[in-house]
């Protein structure tokens, strides 16, 4: 009797979850794949994929998307790992985590306009440069401003998984490494970092994958000087109305995301064990 009740309760939980996945994950992906095989006139064709892989413009957009996603992820990681490590050493880490997470509650568009004001000719950044004698510079609508703002927005999504991995790290491993005569760098490179690699990989997934398809920041902060696949998708769906080509680029992005998840997943524990045995 209890087994039947448990089974019915599990079924009650499983049904809404399955419906959500079916309606809002699987169905949109299938519609995107289906739409990618039709041209702007509604005719079935493989020409969209042929155009994408034979066009130097689309291939350059792909390279740009991967390159900028890499820069954003690298900048975010270099900032987030030390931040997460220091958070783990503080007395009130949850309070500091809350302060880091709070910017995610603000709409992305509002944050973008805030940085437009900061990086403008009369903004705080140029006022500071003028104060120290450098003078105003063109900060807005540059590659630097785009990477800076994108990294700022993505930092909470990198800090959280890394912090969780560091907080779960047993202090006995670190103490044993130091007792055996390892330096601070050796302890970090051979014990701490390998054991927190699952958090690093989760953070890379959370940052790199969304960064591949950024389009709002490329317009507002990059001034359309940064052209990515996300920008191309927006153009095809909202301007040229070539939904087939836009869907094709979307399918390519989905495949790229799956590859990234495969490359950054599954080997974290194996890498950690390897680091401990060196």
Protein backbone atom coordinates (compact mmCIF):
# COMPACT_ATOMS: atom_id res chain seq x y z
CA UNK A 1 0.00 0.00 0.00
CA UNK A 2 2.78 2.40 0.93
CA UNK A 3 4.64 1.50 -2.26
CA UNK A 4 1.60 2.40 -4.36
CA UNK A 5 1.22 5.71 -2.54
CA UNK A 6 4.91 6.48 -3.07
CA UNK A 7 4.60 5.59 -6.76
CA UNK A 8 1.54 7.81 -7.23
CA UNK A 9 3.27 10.67 -5.43
CA UNK A 10 6.36 10.34 -7.65
CA UNK A 11 4.09 10.28 -10.69
CA UNK A 12 2.37 13.46 -9.52
CA UNK A 13 5.78 15.17 -9.34
CA UNK A 14 6.98 13.72 -12.62
CA UNK A 15 4.03 14.75 -14.79
CA UNK A 16 4.28 18.57 -14.41
CA UNK A 17 8.07 18.40 -14.75
CA UNK A 18 7.76 16.34 -17.93
CA UNK A 19 5.16 18.71 -19.37
CA UNK A 20 7.40 21.70 -18.64
CA UNK A 21 10.39 20.08 -20.34
CA UNK A 22 8.25 18.99 -23.30
CA UNK A 23 6.53 22.35 -23.86
CA UNK A 24 9.33 24.79 -23.06
CA UNK A 25 12.52 22.88 -23.95
CA UNK A 26 11.97 20.06 -26.42
CA UNK A 27 9.15 21.63 -28.46
CA UNK A 28 10.96 24.97 -29.09
CA UNK A 29 14.14 23.15 -30.13
CA UNK A 30 12.20 20.92 -32.52
CA UNK A 31 10.41 23.95 -33.99
CA UNK A 32 13.75 25.70 -34.43
CA UNK A 33 15.21 22.69 -36.25
CA UNK A 34 12.08 22.40 -38.41
CA UNK A 35 12.12 26.09 -39.33
CA UNK A 36 15.80 25.94 -40.28
CA UNK A 37 14.93 23.83 -43.34
CA UNK A 38 12.76 26.52 -44.94
CA UNK A 39 13.89 29.57 -46.86
CA UNK A 40 12.40 33.06 -46.73
CA UNK A 41 9.72 32.01 -49.26
CA UNK A 42 8.61 29.06 -47.15
CA UNK A 43 10.15 26.42 -49.42
CA UNK A 44 11.90 23.35 -48.00
CA UNK A 45 15.66 23.56 -48.55
CA UNK A 46 19.07 22.68 -47.18
CA UNK A 47 20.35 25.98 -48.54
CA UNK A 48 20.40 27.70 -45.16
CA UNK A 49 23.05 25.33 -43.85
CA UNK A 50 24.95 25.52 -47.13
CA UNK A 51 24.90 29.31 -46.95
CA UNK A 52 26.05 29.33 -43.33
CA UNK A 53 29.02 27.01 -43.79
CA UNK A 54 30.10 28.53 -47.11
CA UNK A 55 29.78 32.19 -46.10
CA UNK A 56 32.89 33.90 -44.75
CA UNK A 57 30.63 36.41 -43.00
CA UNK A 58 28.84 33.79 -40.91
CA UNK A 59 32.06 31.91 -40.21
CA UNK A 60 33.68 35.15 -39.02
CA UNK A 61 30.67 35.80 -36.79
CA UNK A 62 31.15 32.31 -35.35
CA UNK A 63 34.82 33.00 -34.65
CA UNK A 64 33.92 36.35 -33.07
CA UNK A 65 31.25 34.74 -30.89
CA UNK A 66 33.62 32.05 -29.61
CA UNK A 67 36.46 34.55 -29.12
CA UNK A 68 34.43 37.05 -27.14
CA UNK A 69 32.76 34.29 -25.12
CA UNK A 70 36.26 33.02 -24.29
CA UNK A 71 37.45 36.50 -23.23
CA UNK A 72 34.34 37.07 -21.10
CA UNK A 73 34.69 33.65 -19.47
CA UNK A 74 38.42 34.12 -18.82
CA UNK A 75 37.93 37.58 -17.30
CA UNK A 76 35.07 36.29 -15.17
CA UNK A 77 37.07 33.29 -13.96
CA UNK A 78 40.13 35.39 -13.05
CA UNK A 79 37.92 37.64 -10.93
CA UNK A 80 35.55 35.02 -9.52
CA UNK A 81 37.97 32.35 -8.29
CA UNK A 82 39.92 34.65 -5.91
CA UNK A 83 36.61 36.21 -4.86
CA UNK A 84 35.09 32.82 -4.04
CA UNK A 85 38.25 31.79 -2.18
CA UNK A 86 38.21 34.96 -0.08
CA UNK A 87 34.48 34.56 0.59
CA UNK A 88 35.13 31.13 2.04
CA UNK A 89 37.61 32.68 4.49
CA UNK A 90 35.28 35.43 5.74
CA UNK A 91 33.11 35.22 8.85
CA UNK A 92 29.84 35.98 7.07
CA UNK A 93 30.14 34.47 3.57
CA UNK A 94 26.38 34.29 3.06
CA UNK A 95 26.07 38.05 3.47
CA UNK A 96 28.79 38.70 0.89
CA UNK A 97 27.22 36.15 -1.46
CA UNK A 98 23.93 38.00 -1.16
CA UNK A 99 25.64 41.26 -2.13
CA UNK A 100 27.19 39.54 -5.17
CA UNK A 101 23.87 38.02 -6.21
CA UNK A 102 21.81 41.19 -5.75
CA UNK A 103 22.80 42.75 -9.14
CA UNK A 104 21.16 39.78 -10.86
CA UNK A 105 17.81 41.02 -9.53
CA UNK A 106 18.15 44.13 -11.69
CA UNK A 107 16.96 44.00 -15.28
CA UNK A 108 19.75 43.54 -17.83
CA UNK A 109 18.56 46.52 -19.85
CA UNK A 110 18.76 48.80 -16.82
CA UNK A 111 22.30 47.65 -16.06
CA UNK A 112 23.30 48.25 -19.67
CA UNK A 113 21.97 51.82 -19.59
CA UNK A 114 23.75 52.40 -16.27
CA UNK A 115 27.06 51.47 -17.89
CA UNK A 116 26.26 53.70 -20.87
CA UNK A 117 26.18 56.58 -18.40
CA UNK A 118 29.38 55.43 -16.69
CA UNK A 119 31.39 55.03 -19.92
CA UNK A 120 30.02 58.08 -21.78
CA UNK A 121 32.17 61.15 -22.45
CA UNK A 122 30.69 62.90 -19.40
CA UNK A 123 30.49 59.73 -17.32
CA UNK A 124 32.20 58.83 -14.06
CA UNK A 125 34.95 56.83 -15.78
CA UNK A 126 36.05 59.74 -17.98
CA UNK A 127 35.74 62.18 -15.10
CA UNK A 128 38.18 60.02 -13.15
CA UNK A 129 40.57 59.84 -16.13
CA UNK A 130 40.43 63.63 -16.40
CA UNK A 131 41.07 63.98 -12.66
CA UNK A 132 44.28 61.92 -12.81
CA UNK A 133 45.49 63.84 -15.87
CA UNK A 134 44.89 61.29 -18.62
CA UNK A 135 41.91 63.07 -20.16
CA UNK A 136 38.63 61.69 -21.53
CA UNK A 137 38.82 58.62 -23.75
CA UNK A 138 36.39 56.78 -26.00
CA UNK A 139 35.32 54.04 -23.61
CA UNK A 140 31.78 53.39 -24.80
CA UNK A 141 31.22 51.41 -28.02
CA UNK A 142 34.55 49.60 -27.74
CA UNK A 143 35.54 45.95 -27.42
CA UNK A 144 36.86 46.65 -23.92
CA UNK A 145 33.57 48.08 -22.68
CA UNK A 146 31.64 45.15 -24.14
CA UNK A 147 33.86 42.52 -22.46
CA UNK A 148 33.94 44.51 -19.20
CA UNK A 149 30.15 44.85 -18.91
CA UNK A 150 29.48 41.28 -20.01
CA UNK A 151 32.00 39.95 -17.46
CA UNK A 152 30.46 42.09 -14.73
CA UNK A 153 27.01 40.69 -15.48
CA UNK A 154 28.25 37.08 -15.53
CA UNK A 155 30.38 37.20 -12.36
CA UNK A 156 27.66 35.91 -9.95
CA UNK A 157 27.10 32.85 -12.13
CA UNK A 158 30.80 31.99 -11.90
CA UNK A 159 31.27 32.80 -8.21
CA UNK A 160 28.45 30.60 -6.89
CA UNK A 161 29.55 27.18 -8.23
CA UNK A 162 33.21 27.87 -7.42
CA UNK A 163 32.31 28.95 -3.89
CA UNK A 164 30.24 25.79 -3.39
CA UNK A 165 33.19 23.63 -4.46
CA UNK A 166 35.63 25.50 -2.21
CA UNK A 167 33.28 25.36 0.79
CA UNK A 168 32.93 21.58 0.33
CA UNK A 169 36.71 21.10 0.25
CA UNK A 170 37.90 19.23 3.34
CA UNK A 171 40.48 21.28 5.30
CA UNK A 172 42.31 18.05 6.13
CA UNK A 173 43.53 17.81 2.51
CA UNK A 174 45.04 21.29 2.68
CA UNK A 175 46.55 20.66 6.11
CA UNK A 176 48.05 17.36 4.98
CA UNK A 177 49.62 19.04 1.96
CA UNK A 178 51.25 21.70 4.14
CA UNK A 179 52.39 19.15 6.71
CA UNK A 180 54.16 17.29 3.92
CA UNK A 181 56.14 20.42 3.08
CA UNK A 182 54.22 21.73 0.10
CA UNK A 183 54.40 25.45 -0.59
CA UNK A 184 51.26 27.57 -0.86
CA UNK A 185 51.43 27.45 -4.67
CA UNK A 186 51.91 23.66 -4.67
CA UNK A 187 48.97 23.26 -2.31
CA UNK A 188 46.80 25.40 -4.51
CA UNK A 189 47.85 23.91 -7.87
CA UNK A 190 47.88 20.26 -6.78
CA UNK A 191 45.18 20.10 -4.12
CA UNK A 192 42.79 23.05 -3.97
CA UNK A 193 42.36 23.79 -7.68
CA UNK A 194 41.97 20.15 -8.87
CA UNK A 195 39.42 19.44 -6.14
CA UNK A 196 37.41 22.55 -7.01
CA UNK A 197 37.55 21.88 -10.74
CA UNK A 198 33.90 20.69 -10.88
CA UNK A 199 32.83 24.14 -9.66
CA UNK A 200 35.10 25.83 -12.21
CA UNK A 201 33.64 23.74 -15.01
CA UNK A 202 30.08 24.47 -13.88
CA UNK A 203 30.93 28.17 -13.83
CA UNK A 204 32.44 28.00 -17.31
CA UNK A 205 29.26 26.38 -18.59
CA UNK A 206 27.10 29.01 -16.89
CA UNK A 207 29.13 31.87 -18.42
CA UNK A 208 30.50 30.68 -21.75
CA UNK A 209 27.25 29.28 -23.13
CA UNK A 210 25.11 32.45 -22.62
CA UNK A 211 28.03 34.60 -23.81
CA UNK A 212 27.94 32.87 -27.19
CA UNK A 213 24.56 34.40 -28.02
CA UNK A 214 24.76 37.91 -26.53
CA UNK A 215 23.03 40.50 -28.70
CA UNK A 216 21.64 43.30 -26.50
CA UNK A 217 25.04 44.27 -25.12
CA UNK A 218 26.61 44.18 -28.57
CA UNK A 219 24.23 46.98 -29.58
CA UNK A 220 24.01 49.08 -26.42
CA UNK A 221 27.60 48.75 -25.16
CA UNK A 222 29.53 47.59 -28.23
CA UNK A 223 27.74 49.94 -30.60
CA UNK A 224 27.40 47.18 -33.23
CA UNK A 225 31.20 47.10 -33.52
CA UNK A 226 31.03 43.67 -31.92
CA UNK A 227 29.13 41.33 -34.26
CA UNK A 228 28.19 37.91 -32.93
CA UNK A 229 25.80 35.11 -33.87
CA UNK A 230 23.28 36.48 -31.40
CA UNK A 231 23.26 39.75 -33.34
CA UNK A 232 22.73 37.83 -36.59
CA UNK A 233 19.79 35.90 -35.14
CA UNK A 234 18.16 39.13 -33.98
CA UNK A 235 18.64 40.67 -37.43
CA UNK A 236 17.12 37.70 -39.26
CA UNK A 237 14.09 37.38 -36.98
CA UNK A 238 13.29 41.07 -36.49
CA UNK A 239 14.68 42.89 -39.54
CA UNK A 240 15.12 40.69 -42.62
CA UNK A 241 12.32 38.30 -41.48
CA UNK A 242 14.40 35.37 -42.72
CA UNK A 243 13.34 33.04 -39.95
CA UNK A 244 14.86 30.03 -41.68
CA UNK A 245 18.37 31.48 -41.61
CA UNK A 246 17.89 32.74 -38.07
CA UNK A 247 16.77 29.27 -37.01
CA UNK A 248 19.80 27.73 -38.73
CA UNK A 249 22.14 29.93 -36.71
CA UNK A 250 20.16 29.01 -33.60
CA UNK A 251 20.65 25.31 -34.32
CA UNK A 252 24.39 25.89 -34.76
CA UNK A 253 24.48 27.63 -31.38
CA UNK A 254 22.61 24.76 -29.74
CA UNK A 255 25.14 22.28 -31.16
CA UNK A 256 27.99 24.49 -29.95
CA UNK A 257 26.45 24.62 -26.48
CA UNK A 258 26.14 20.82 -26.36
CA UNK A 259 29.81 20.50 -27.36
CA UNK A 260 30.84 22.94 -24.62
CA UNK A 261 28.81 21.02 -22.03
CA UNK A 262 30.41 17.77 -23.18
CA UNK A 263 33.94 19.23 -23.02
CA UNK A 264 33.47 20.76 -19.57
CA UNK A 265 31.49 17.96 -17.96
CA UNK A 266 32.07 14.51 -16.62
CA UNK A 267 35.80 14.55 -15.93
CA UNK A 268 35.90 16.79 -12.86
CA UNK A 269 36.29 14.01 -10.29
CA UNK A 270 38.83 12.19 -12.45
CA UNK A 271 40.86 15.42 -12.79
CA UNK A 272 40.68 15.95 -9.03
CA UNK A 273 41.99 12.44 -8.28
CA UNK A 274 44.77 12.95 -10.81
CA UNK A 275 45.78 16.20 -9.11
CA UNK A 276 45.97 14.51 -5.70
CA UNK A 277 48.19 11.70 -6.94
CA UNK A 278 50.85 13.97 -8.45
